[in-house]
C-alpha atoms as a PDB file:
ATOM      1  CA  MET A   1     135.018 108.567 -41.353  1.00  0.00           C
ATOM      2  CA  ASN A   2     131.041 108.855 -42.031  1.00  0.00           C
ATOM      3  CA  PRO A   3     130.233 112.276 -40.835  1.00  0.00           C
ATOM      4  CA  ASN A   4     126.756 110.991 -39.892  1.00  0.00           C
ATOM      5  CA  ILE A   5     128.252 108.843 -37.101  1.00  0.00           C
ATOM      6  CA  ASN A   6     128.719 111.111 -34.215  1.00  0.00           C
ATOM      7  CA  LEU A   7     127.235 111.492 -30.678  1.00  0.00           C
ATOM      8  CA  PRO A   8     124.469 113.912 -31.400  1.00  0.00           C
ATOM      9  CA  ASN A   9     123.093 111.382 -34.265  1.00  0.00           C
ATOM     10  CA  ALA A  10     123.387 108.418 -32.041  1.00  0.00           C
ATOM     11  CA  LEU A  11     121.583 110.184 -29.003  1.00  0.00           C
ATOM     12  CA  THR A  12     118.632 110.845 -31.639  1.00  0.00           C
ATOM     13  CA  VAL A  13     118.681 107.223 -32.851  1.00  0.00           C
ATOM     14  CA  LEU A  14     118.458 106.046 -28.807  1.00  0.00           C
ATOM     15  CA  ARG A  15     115.643 108.345 -28.320  1.00  0.00           C
ATOM     16  CA  VAL A  16     113.542 106.535 -31.157  1.00  0.00           C
ATOM     17  CA  ALA A  17     114.811 102.960 -29.598  1.00  0.00           C
ATOM     18  CA  SER A  18     113.435 103.828 -26.241  1.00  0.00           C
ATOM     19  CA  LEU A  19     109.792 103.736 -27.485  1.00  0.00           C
ATOM     20  CA  PRO A  20     109.443  99.896 -27.206  1.00  0.00           C
ATOM     21  CA  PHE A  21     110.603  99.776 -23.809  1.00  0.00           C
ATOM     22  CA  PHE A  22     108.343 102.880 -22.976  1.00  0.00           C
ATOM     23  CA  ILE A  23     105.352 100.900 -24.248  1.00  0.00           C
ATOM     24  CA  TRP A  24     106.326  97.552 -22.634  1.00  0.00           C
ATOM     25  CA  PHE A  25     106.594  99.487 -19.233  1.00  0.00           C
ATOM     26  CA  LEU A  26     103.365 101.041 -19.506  1.00  0.00           C
ATOM     27  CA  TYR A  27     101.691  97.667 -20.101  1.00  0.00           C
ATOM     28  CA  GLN A  28     103.085  96.092 -16.788  1.00  0.00           C
ATOM     29  CA  LYS A  29     100.626  96.510 -13.787  1.00  0.00           C
ATOM     30  CA  GLU A  30     103.249  97.522 -11.175  1.00  0.00           C
ATOM     31  CA  GLN A  31     103.608 101.027 -10.525  1.00  0.00           C
ATOM     32  CA  ALA A  32     107.432 100.617 -10.634  1.00  0.00           C
ATOM     33  CA  TYR A  33     107.121 100.142 -14.311  1.00  0.00           C
ATOM     34  CA  HIS A  34     104.986 103.105 -14.895  1.00  0.00           C
ATOM     35  CA  ILE A  35     107.486 105.216 -12.865  1.00  0.00           C
ATOM     36  CA  ALA A  36     110.417 103.723 -15.286  1.00  0.00           C
ATOM     37  CA  ALA A  37     108.020 104.682 -18.296  1.00  0.00           C
ATOM     38  CA  LEU A  38     107.973 108.245 -17.044  1.00  0.00           C
ATOM     39  CA  VAL A  39     111.574 108.469 -16.455  1.00  0.00           C
ATOM     40  CA  LEU A  40     112.340 107.139 -19.682  1.00  0.00           C
ATOM     41  CA  PHE A  41     110.181 109.578 -21.488  1.00  0.00           C
ATOM     42  CA  SER A  42     111.730 112.225 -19.495  1.00  0.00           C
ATOM     43  CA  LEU A  43     115.208 111.118 -20.256  1.00  0.00           C
ATOM     44  CA  ALA A  44     114.085 110.855 -24.062  1.00  0.00           C
ATOM     45  CA  SER A  45     112.943 114.391 -24.151  1.00  0.00           C
ATOM     46  CA  LEU A  46     115.927 115.622 -22.553  1.00  0.00           C
ATOM     47  CA  THR A  47     118.253 114.230 -25.248  1.00  0.00           C
ATOM     48  CA  ASP A  48     116.137 116.135 -27.571  1.00  0.00           C
ATOM     49  CA  PHE A  49     117.855 119.466 -26.357  1.00  0.00           C
ATOM     50  CA  ILE A  50     121.154 117.692 -25.566  1.00  0.00           C
ATOM     51  CA  ASP A  51     121.921 116.341 -29.133  1.00  0.00           C
ATOM     52  CA  GLY A  52     121.016 119.670 -30.782  1.00  0.00           C
ATOM     53  CA  TYR A  53     123.249 121.618 -28.331  1.00  0.00           C
ATOM     54  CA  LEU A  54     126.086 119.250 -28.768  1.00  0.00           C
ATOM     55  CA  ALA A  55     125.726 119.121 -32.532  1.00  0.00           C
ATOM     56  CA  ARG A  56     125.951 122.947 -32.716  1.00  0.00           C
ATOM     57  CA  LYS A  57     128.702 123.190 -30.191  1.00  0.00           C
ATOM     58  CA  TRP A  58     131.044 120.671 -31.701  1.00  0.00           C
ATOM     59  CA  LYS A  59     129.929 121.688 -35.117  1.00  0.00           C
ATOM     60  CA  GLN A  60     128.518 118.120 -36.130  1.00  0.00           C
ATOM     61  CA  GLU A  61     125.388 119.154 -37.697  1.00  0.00           C
ATOM     62  CA  THR A  62     124.490 116.995 -40.591  1.00  0.00           C
ATOM     63  CA  GLU A  63     121.760 116.965 -43.079  1.00  0.00           C
ATOM     64  CA  PHE A  64     120.928 113.285 -41.687  1.00  0.00           C
ATOM     65  CA  GLY A  65     120.671 114.752 -38.135  1.00  0.00           C
ATOM     66  CA  LYS A  66     118.499 117.846 -39.322  1.00  0.00           C
ATOM     67  CA  PHE A  67     116.148 115.413 -41.020  1.00  0.00           C
ATOM     68  CA  LEU A  68     116.083 112.705 -38.257  1.00  0.00           C
ATOM     69  CA  ASP A  69     115.930 114.890 -35.076  1.00  0.00           C
ATOM     70  CA  PRO A  70     112.338 116.023 -35.788  1.00  0.00           C
ATOM     71  CA  LEU A  71     111.320 112.913 -37.003  1.00  0.00           C
ATOM     72  CA  ALA A  72     112.627 111.117 -33.946  1.00  0.00           C
ATOM     73  CA  ASP A  73     110.315 113.677 -31.890  1.00  0.00           C
ATOM     74  CA  LYS A  74     107.190 112.466 -33.905  1.00  0.00           C
ATOM     75  CA  ILE A  75     107.869 109.093 -33.628  1.00  0.00           C
ATOM     76  CA  ILE A  76     108.018 109.347 -29.853  1.00  0.00           C
ATOM     77  CA  VAL A  77     105.076 111.581 -29.581  1.00  0.00           C
ATOM     78  CA  VAL A  78     103.083 109.667 -32.008  1.00  0.00           C
ATOM     79  CA  GLY A  79     104.085 106.055 -30.361  1.00  0.00           C
ATOM     80  CA  CYS A  80     103.124 107.507 -26.798  1.00  0.00           C
ATOM     81  CA  PHE A  81      99.552 108.696 -27.826  1.00  0.00           C
ATOM     82  CA  THR A  82      98.820 105.766 -29.917  1.00  0.00           C
ATOM     83  CA  THR A  83      99.595 103.637 -26.879  1.00  0.00           C
ATOM     84  CA  PHE A  84      97.434 105.408 -24.709  1.00  0.00           C
ATOM     85  CA  ILE A  85      94.427 104.891 -27.042  1.00  0.00           C
ATOM     86  CA  PHE A  86      94.565 101.146 -25.881  1.00  0.00           C
ATOM     87  CA  LEU A  87      95.070 102.077 -22.155  1.00  0.00           C
ATOM     88  CA  HIS A  88      92.817 105.192 -21.481  1.00  0.00           C
ATOM     89  CA  GLU A  89      89.141 105.341 -22.829  1.00  0.00           C
ATOM     90  CA  GLN A  90      89.699 109.277 -22.429  1.00  0.00           C
ATOM     91  CA  ILE A  91      92.152 109.354 -25.308  1.00  0.00           C
ATOM     92  CA  GLU A  92      90.053 109.444 -28.315  1.00  0.00           C
ATOM     93  CA  LEU A  93      91.368 107.990 -31.974  1.00  0.00           C
ATOM     94  CA  TRP A  94      90.371 111.103 -33.939  1.00  0.00           C
ATOM     95  CA  MET A  95      92.780 113.198 -31.526  1.00  0.00           C
ATOM     96  CA  VAL A  96      95.778 110.750 -32.243  1.00  0.00           C
ATOM     97  CA  ILE A  97      94.688 110.927 -36.185  1.00  0.00           C
ATOM     98  CA  LEU A  98      94.888 114.665 -36.203  1.00  0.00           C
ATOM     99  CA  ILE A  99      97.994 114.820 -34.417  1.00  0.00           C
ATOM    100  CA  ILE A 100      99.512 112.102 -36.883  1.00  0.00           C
ATOM    101  CA  GLY A 101      98.079 114.000 -39.897  1.00  0.00           C
ATOM    102  CA  ARG A 102      99.800 117.209 -38.771  1.00  0.00           C
ATOM    103  CA  ASP A 103     103.087 115.547 -38.454  1.00  0.00           C
ATOM    104  CA  MET A 104     102.922 113.898 -41.688  1.00  0.00           C
ATOM    105  CA  LEU A 105     101.848 116.911 -43.468  1.00  0.00           C
ATOM    106  CA  ILE A 106     104.829 118.893 -42.084  1.00  0.00           C
ATOM    107  CA  THR A 107     107.186 116.114 -42.615  1.00  0.00           C
ATOM    108  CA  THR A 108     106.102 116.269 -46.276  1.00  0.00           C
ATOM    109  CA  LEU A 109     106.585 120.011 -46.553  1.00  0.00           C
ATOM    110  CA  ARG A 110     109.972 119.750 -45.156  1.00  0.00           C
ATOM    111  CA  TYR A 111     110.813 117.083 -47.536  1.00  0.00           C
ATOM    112  CA  LEU A 112     109.616 119.194 -50.613  1.00  0.00           C
ATOM    113  CA  ALA A 113     111.432 122.189 -49.268  1.00  0.00           C
ATOM    114  CA  ILE A 114     114.785 120.179 -49.034  1.00  0.00           C
ATOM    115  CA  ARG A 115     113.953 119.150 -52.760  1.00  0.00           C
ATOM    116  CA  LEU A 116     113.481 122.410 -53.819  1.00  0.00           C
ATOM    117  CA  GLY A 117     116.376 124.051 -51.927  1.00  0.00           C
ATOM    118  CA  LYS A 118     114.109 126.085 -49.853  1.00  0.00           C
ATOM    119  CA  SER A 119     114.254 126.931 -46.252  1.00  0.00           C
ATOM    120  CA  ILE A 120     111.352 126.206 -43.870  1.00  0.00           C
ATOM    121  CA  ARG A 121     110.148 128.884 -41.666  1.00  0.00           C
ATOM    122  CA  THR A 122     109.354 127.812 -38.213  1.00  0.00           C
ATOM    123  CA  THR A 123     106.699 129.366 -35.977  1.00  0.00           C
ATOM    124  CA  MET A 124     106.542 130.283 -32.268  1.00  0.00           C
ATOM    125  CA  LEU A 125     103.110 128.415 -32.157  1.00  0.00           C
ATOM    126  CA  GLY A 126     105.089 125.173 -33.469  1.00  0.00           C
ATOM    127  CA  LYS A 127     107.115 125.408 -30.048  1.00  0.00           C
ATOM    128  CA  VAL A 128     104.067 125.966 -27.938  1.00  0.00           C
ATOM    129  CA  LYS A 129     102.456 122.628 -29.669  1.00  0.00           C
ATOM    130  CA  THR A 130     105.701 120.789 -28.792  1.00  0.00           C
ATOM    131  CA  ALA A 131     105.429 121.865 -25.262  1.00  0.00           C
ATOM    132  CA  PHE A 132     101.687 120.807 -25.034  1.00  0.00           C
ATOM    133  CA  GLN A 133     102.297 117.622 -26.648  1.00  0.00           C
ATOM    134  CA  MET A 134     105.044 116.700 -24.023  1.00  0.00           C
ATOM    135  CA  GLY A 135     103.119 118.113 -21.308  1.00  0.00           C
ATOM    136  CA  ALA A 136     100.343 116.130 -22.215  1.00  0.00           C
ATOM    137  CA  ILE A 137     102.418 112.886 -22.062  1.00  0.00           C
ATOM    138  CA  ILE A 138     103.918 113.512 -18.743  1.00  0.00           C
ATOM    139  CA  LEU A 139     100.374 114.569 -17.465  1.00  0.00           C
ATOM    140  CA  ILE A 140      98.884 111.114 -18.521  1.00  0.00           C
ATOM    141  CA  LEU A 141     101.913 109.403 -17.218  1.00  0.00           C
ATOM    142  CA  ILE A 142     101.557 111.099 -13.931  1.00  0.00           C
ATOM    143  CA  PHE A 143      97.980 110.086 -13.428  1.00  0.00           C
ATOM    144  CA  PHE A 144      98.876 106.752 -14.577  1.00  0.00           C
ATOM    145  CA  ILE A 145     101.406 106.633 -11.636  1.00  0.00           C
ATOM    146  CA  LEU A 146      99.060 108.006  -9.069  1.00  0.00           C
ATOM    147  CA  VAL A 147      95.765 106.400  -9.844  1.00  0.00           C
ATOM    148  CA  SER A 148      95.777 102.638  -8.808  1.00  0.00           C
ATOM    149  CA  SER A 149      95.209 100.039 -11.522  1.00  0.00           C
ATOM    150  CA  ASN A 150      91.844  99.276 -10.083  1.00  0.00           C
ATOM    151  CA  LYS A 151      90.575 102.900 -10.092  1.00  0.00           C
ATOM    152  CA  ARG A 152      91.850 103.188 -13.616  1.00  0.00           C
ATOM    153  CA  ILE A 153      89.616 100.330 -14.490  1.00  0.00           C
ATOM    154  CA  LEU A 154      86.858 102.082 -12.861  1.00  0.00           C
ATOM    155  CA  ILE A 155      87.378 105.214 -14.798  1.00  0.00           C
ATOM    156  CA  ASN A 156      87.701 103.537 -18.031  1.00  0.00           C
ATOM    157  CA  GLU A 157      84.370 101.475 -17.058  1.00  0.00           C
ATOM    158  CA  VAL A 158      82.775 104.810 -16.611  1.00  0.00           C
ATOM    159  CA  TYR A 159      83.678 106.170 -20.116  1.00  0.00           C
ATOM    160  CA  GLN A 160      82.771 102.763 -21.803  1.00  0.00           C
ATOM    161  CA  SER A 161      79.388 102.701 -20.040  1.00  0.00           C
ATOM    162  CA  GLY A 162      78.820 106.323 -21.220  1.00  0.00           C
ATOM    163  CA  LYS A 163      79.778 105.454 -24.849  1.00  0.00           C
ATOM    164  CA  LEU A 164      77.184 102.531 -24.710  1.00  0.00           C
ATOM    165  CA  ALA A 165      74.604 105.000 -23.589  1.00  0.00           C
ATOM    166  CA  GLY A 166      75.279 107.071 -26.617  1.00  0.00           C
ATOM    167  CA  MET A 167      77.263 110.076 -24.826  1.00  0.00           C
ATOM    168  CA  SER A 168      80.383 111.443 -26.312  1.00  0.00           C
ATOM    169  CA  VAL A 169      83.626 111.297 -24.508  1.00  0.00           C
ATOM    170  CA  PHE A 170      83.680 114.987 -24.148  1.00  0.00           C
ATOM    171  CA  GLY A 171      80.106 114.815 -22.370  1.00  0.00           C
ATOM    172  CA  ILE A 172      81.481 111.984 -20.082  1.00  0.00           C
ATOM    173  CA  ALA A 173      84.419 114.208 -19.225  1.00  0.00           C
ATOM    174  CA  SER A 174      82.251 117.148 -18.576  1.00  0.00           C
ATOM    175  CA  GLU A 175      79.925 115.278 -16.480  1.00  0.00           C
ATOM    176  CA  ASN A 176      82.854 113.849 -14.389  1.00  0.00           C
ATOM    177  CA  ALA A 177      84.305 117.361 -14.001  1.00  0.00           C
ATOM    178  CA  VAL A 178      80.982 118.869 -12.954  1.00  0.00           C
ATOM    179  CA  ALA A 179      80.532 115.940 -10.294  1.00  0.00           C
ATOM    180  CA  PHE A 180      83.922 116.359  -9.052  1.00  0.00           C
ATOM    181  CA  VAL A 181      83.246 120.093  -8.416  1.00  0.00           C
ATOM    182  CA  LYS A 182      79.801 119.389  -6.851  1.00  0.00           C
ATOM    183  CA  VAL A 183      81.404 116.992  -4.291  1.00  0.00           C
ATOM    184  CA  TRP A 184      84.058 119.302  -3.353  1.00  0.00           C
ATOM    185  CA  GLN A 185      81.798 122.269  -2.783  1.00  0.00           C
ATOM    186  CA  GLU A 186      79.356 120.047  -0.754  1.00  0.00           C
ATOM    187  CA  ASN A 187      82.012 117.941   1.203  1.00  0.00           C
ATOM    188  CA  GLY A 188      84.918 120.014   1.244  1.00  0.00           C
ATOM    189  CA  ALA A 189      88.351 119.424  -0.002  1.00  0.00           C
ATOM    190  CA  PRO A 190      88.661 115.647  -0.579  1.00  0.00           C
ATOM    191  CA  GLY A 191      91.465 113.593   0.581  1.00  0.00           C
ATOM    192  CA  TRP A 192      94.677 112.775  -1.733  1.00  0.00           C
ATOM    193  CA  ASN A 193      93.328 109.393  -3.172  1.00  0.00           C
ATOM    194  CA  GLU A 194      89.897 111.006  -3.857  1.00  0.00           C
ATOM    195  CA  LEU A 195      91.450 114.175  -5.140  1.00  0.00           C
ATOM    196  CA  VAL A 196      93.941 112.219  -7.595  1.00  0.00           C
ATOM    197  CA  PHE A 197      90.782 109.670  -8.724  1.00  0.00           C
ATOM    198  CA  GLY A 198      88.541 112.665  -9.143  1.00  0.00           C
ATOM    199  CA  LEU A 199      91.114 114.500 -11.448  1.00  0.00           C
ATOM    200  CA  GLY A 200      91.972 111.430 -13.220  1.00  0.00           C
ATOM    201  CA  GLY A 201      88.311 111.059 -14.439  1.00  0.00           C
ATOM    202  CA  PHE A 202      88.586 114.200 -16.465  1.00  0.00           C
ATOM    203  CA  VAL A 203      91.968 116.131 -16.642  1.00  0.00           C
ATOM    204  CA  PRO A 204      93.830 113.567 -18.991  1.00  0.00           C
ATOM    205  CA  TYR A 205      90.968 114.088 -21.576  1.00  0.00           C
ATOM    206  CA  PHE A 206      90.839 117.841 -21.408  1.00  0.00           C
ATOM    207  CA  GLY A 207      94.374 118.092 -21.519  1.00  0.00           C
ATOM    208  CA  MET A 208      94.653 116.010 -24.549  1.00  0.00           C
ATOM    209  CA  LEU A 209      91.694 117.958 -26.112  1.00  0.00           C
ATOM    210  CA  LEU A 210      93.532 121.350 -25.463  1.00  0.00           C
ATOM    211  CA  THR A 211      96.953 119.578 -26.989  1.00  0.00           C
ATOM    212  CA  THR A 212      94.990 118.450 -30.095  1.00  0.00           C
ATOM    213  CA  LEU A 213      93.580 121.895 -30.999  1.00  0.00           C
ATOM    214  CA  ILE A 214      96.859 123.402 -30.389  1.00  0.00           C
ATOM    215  CA  THR A 215      98.501 120.858 -32.715  1.00  0.00           C
ATOM    216  CA  VAL A 216      96.011 121.557 -35.628  1.00  0.00           C
ATOM    217  CA  LEU A 217      96.345 125.385 -35.055  1.00  0.00           C
ATOM    218  CA  SER A 218     100.012 125.248 -35.414  1.00  0.00           C
ATOM    219  CA  GLY A 219      99.814 122.874 -38.344  1.00  0.00           C
ATOM    220  CA  ILE A 220      97.518 125.581 -40.196  1.00  0.00           C
ATOM    221  CA  ARG A 221      99.994 128.335 -39.027  1.00  0.00           C
ATOM    222  CA  TYR A 222     102.905 126.417 -40.598  1.00  0.00           C
ATOM    223  CA  LEU A 223     101.172 125.882 -43.773  1.00  0.00           C
ATOM    224  CA  ILE A 224     100.489 129.841 -44.159  1.00  0.00           C
ATOM    225  CA  SER A 225     104.048 130.796 -43.160  1.00  0.00           C
ATOM    226  CA  ASN A 226     105.253 128.290 -45.505  1.00  0.00           C
ATOM    227  CA  ARG A 227     102.795 128.881 -48.342  1.00  0.00           C
ATOM    228  CA  GLU A 228     105.576 129.982 -50.911  1.00  0.00           C
ATOM    229  CA  VAL A 229     107.197 126.742 -50.573  1.00  0.00           C
ATOM    230  CA  ILE A 230     103.868 124.935 -51.534  1.00  0.00           C
ATOM    231  CA  ARG A 231     103.222 127.397 -54.177  1.00  0.00           C
ATOM    232  CA  TYR A 232     106.796 126.886 -55.767  1.00  0.00           C
ATOM    233  CA  SER A 233     106.239 123.081 -55.665  1.00  0.00           C
ATOM    234  CA  SER A 234     102.827 123.214 -57.091  1.00  0.00           C
ATOM    235  CA  ILE A 235     104.330 125.470 -60.051  1.00  0.00           C
ATOM    236  CA  ARG A 236     107.461 123.058 -60.541  1.00  0.00           C
ATOM    237  CA  LYS A 237     104.916 119.966 -60.615  1.00  0.00           C
ATOM    238  CA  ALA A 238     102.654 121.718 -63.225  1.00  0.00           C
ATOM    239  CA  PHE A 239     105.329 123.206 -65.402  1.00  0.00           C
ATOM    240  CA  GLY A 240     108.226 120.582 -65.035  1.00  0.00           C
ATOM    241  CA  LYS A 241     111.426 120.893 -63.272  1.00  0.00           C
ATOM    242  CA  ASN A 242     112.728 123.522 -65.712  1.00  0.00           C
ATOM    243  CA  GLY A 243     109.678 125.336 -65.646  1.00  0.00           C
ATOM    244  CA  ASN A 244     109.067 124.777 -69.392  1.00  0.00           C
END
């Protein structure tokens, strides 16, 4: 029997297979579908811990699983953020490009390490990066659920108008944040709907901005920690496989 065919690897494959359903749910107008998207993403994230635990407990760790598991995480994260670009004016293309670029760079480094028979050193910042990415996705999904479709359209229109006026997304989000605080100070604590609507005008942007910065920093830290793999790969490429 093929050792790659086991429950942990099957859970990893199912995690990737859930992405098209997640995207479809988000494009529906009914709130129930948006809740389903959050539940589906949460379940997919949960399997990320379960498949690794089962693989270790049942001694079913395989090279295929070790390669596919982090790749599945990257596919899910990139798929979610790419979808948000088309649904949220606050999510900028350059943010997602940096996240994708970092993941492609690290995936390439992992591949080189496998080819060279070297081990890759992970860093705590990498775990922090993952937590921030998952947190940003959940945060955006929560606002997607709490803010009605009509109010999301209004928020997007504010950003579209600001962009046409030559403002940056950072500037628009900052103005929304300042306006929210000013209204709170002048009129007191807003009601629930006003609170969610006000926060929805800038929290997703700043959450995504912080996540992008953490992602870039973790990529730089990853490269520094594994510079020996890069150096060894460069030497092998320059002098040939046998070092001649």
